[in-house]
Amino acid sequence: MSFIVHEISNNSIHFGKTTVKNTHKGDNKYMSTPYCCPNCRTNRTRFNIIEQVVQAVKLDPQSGAIVETFEENNAGPFHTSYNGPDKRIQCGSCGLIEDERTFIKFGEK
């Protein structure tokens, strides 16, 4: 998985509609429970919180250009609403990106 960085500011990196917040400086307003990385299994302190912003769109099939954008609950009968997580977590040591629940489960052990 690769990202194109659009902007870096105020301890955040913006990837288009996705924002990665750096929590290395004690910004713990997101963490209400301990995390542990399921991959490296040693990191319990350094994580990036990725906030996902959903934008429903209709694309041109040949060019891939956005033809139409939809409101949150008004995407039409042929468009399934996004039902994934609002945020994902990235390990600040090994770089693994997973759902927050995965990091919480390993943090409970």
Protein backbone atom coordinates (compact mmCIF):
# COMPACT_ATOMS: atom_id res chain seq x y z
CA MET A 1 0.00 0.00 0.00
CA SER A 2 1.41 3.40 -0.90
CA PHE A 3 0.25 6.92 -0.17
CA ILE A 4 0.96 10.27 -1.75
CA VAL A 5 1.52 12.87 0.96
CA HIS A 6 -0.45 16.02 0.19
CA GLU A 7 0.35 18.12 3.25
CA ILE A 8 2.24 17.89 6.52
CA SER A 9 1.20 20.27 9.32
CA ASN A 10 0.57 20.44 13.06
CA ASN A 11 1.71 16.88 13.79
CA SER A 12 -0.57 15.56 11.01
CA ILE A 13 0.04 14.18 7.54
CA HIS A 14 -2.79 14.61 5.03
CA PHE A 15 -3.22 11.99 2.28
CA GLY A 16 -6.00 13.50 0.19
CA LYS A 17 -9.10 12.68 2.26
CA THR A 18 -7.16 10.66 4.87
CA THR A 19 -5.38 12.30 7.81
CA VAL A 20 -2.70 10.61 9.90
CA LYS A 21 -2.30 12.17 13.34
CA ASN A 22 1.02 11.72 15.08
CA THR A 23 0.49 10.69 18.71
CA HIS A 24 4.19 10.63 19.66
CA LYS A 25 3.91 13.89 21.63
CA GLY A 26 1.38 12.67 24.19
CA ASP A 27 -1.79 13.60 22.27
CA ASN A 28 -3.94 10.85 23.76
CA LYS A 29 -7.44 12.21 23.22
CA TYR A 30 -8.10 9.23 20.93
CA MET A 31 -6.68 6.43 23.08
CA SER A 32 -8.93 5.33 25.89
CA THR A 33 -7.42 1.84 26.15
CA PRO A 34 -3.91 0.39 25.81
CA TYR A 35 -2.69 -0.64 22.35
CA CYS A 36 -0.11 -3.24 21.38
CA CYS A 37 1.07 -3.93 17.82
CA PRO A 38 0.01 -7.43 16.69
CA ASN A 39 2.93 -7.58 14.25
CA CYS A 40 6.03 -6.52 16.20
CA ARG A 41 4.37 -7.36 19.58
CA THR A 42 6.65 -5.00 21.50
CA ASN A 43 5.35 -1.53 20.64
CA ARG A 44 2.84 -0.23 23.19
CA THR A 45 3.63 3.49 22.97
CA ARG A 46 4.10 4.80 19.39
CA PHE A 47 1.14 4.86 17.01
CA ASN A 48 -0.35 6.94 14.21
CA ILE A 49 -4.13 7.34 14.17
CA ILE A 50 -5.55 7.48 10.65
CA GLU A 51 -8.91 9.22 10.47
CA GLN A 52 -10.85 8.17 7.37
CA VAL A 53 -13.17 10.63 5.66
CA VAL A 54 -15.64 8.96 3.32
CA GLN A 55 -16.71 10.66 0.10
CA ALA A 56 -19.21 8.81 -2.11
CA VAL A 57 -18.47 9.48 -5.78
CA LYS A 58 -19.41 8.31 -9.26
CA LEU A 59 -16.47 7.92 -11.65
CA ASP A 60 -16.22 8.03 -15.42
CA PRO A 61 -15.38 4.42 -16.41
CA GLN A 62 -12.91 5.41 -19.17
CA SER A 63 -10.99 8.28 -17.57
CA GLY A 64 -11.56 7.66 -13.86
CA ALA A 65 -12.52 11.31 -13.36
CA ILE A 66 -15.12 12.15 -10.72
CA VAL A 67 -18.45 12.73 -12.46
CA GLU A 68 -20.63 13.24 -9.40
CA THR A 69 -20.23 13.44 -5.63
CA PHE A 70 -23.01 12.36 -3.29
CA GLU A 71 -24.17 13.55 0.10
CA GLU A 72 -23.67 11.25 3.07
CA ASN A 73 -27.04 9.46 2.96
CA ASN A 74 -28.11 10.36 -0.56
CA ALA A 75 -25.92 8.18 -2.80
CA GLY A 76 -28.83 6.51 -4.58
CA PRO A 77 -30.17 2.96 -4.78
CA PHE A 78 -27.13 1.51 -6.63
CA HIS A 79 -24.51 2.81 -4.20
CA THR A 80 -23.75 0.98 -0.95
CA SER A 81 -22.94 3.23 2.01
CA TYR A 82 -19.51 2.89 3.60
CA ASN A 83 -19.68 0.79 6.76
CA GLY A 84 -15.99 0.50 7.69
CA PRO A 85 -14.15 2.03 10.64
CA ASP A 86 -13.81 5.79 11.11
CA LYS A 87 -10.18 5.36 12.06
CA ARG A 88 -7.34 2.92 11.62
CA ILE A 89 -4.12 2.60 13.58
CA GLN A 90 -0.56 2.43 12.28
CA CYS A 91 2.26 1.06 14.42
CA GLY A 92 4.93 3.75 14.80
CA SER A 93 7.64 1.06 14.90
CA CYS A 94 6.92 -1.45 12.13
CA GLY A 95 4.33 0.48 10.06
CA LEU A 96 1.49 -2.07 10.22
CA ILE A 97 -1.93 -0.51 9.52
CA GLU A 98 -4.97 -2.29 10.97
CA ASP A 99 -8.37 -1.66 12.50
CA GLU A 100 -8.22 -0.15 16.00
CA ARG A 101 -9.90 -3.23 17.53
CA THR A 102 -6.92 -5.38 16.53
CA PHE A 103 -4.49 -3.15 18.45
CA ILE A 104 -6.87 -3.03 21.45
CA LYS A 105 -7.18 -6.83 21.60
CA PHE A 106 -3.40 -7.26 21.62
CA GLY A 107 -3.13 -4.47 24.21
CA GLU A 108 -5.35 -6.43 26.61
CA LYS A 109 -2.89 -9.36 26.75
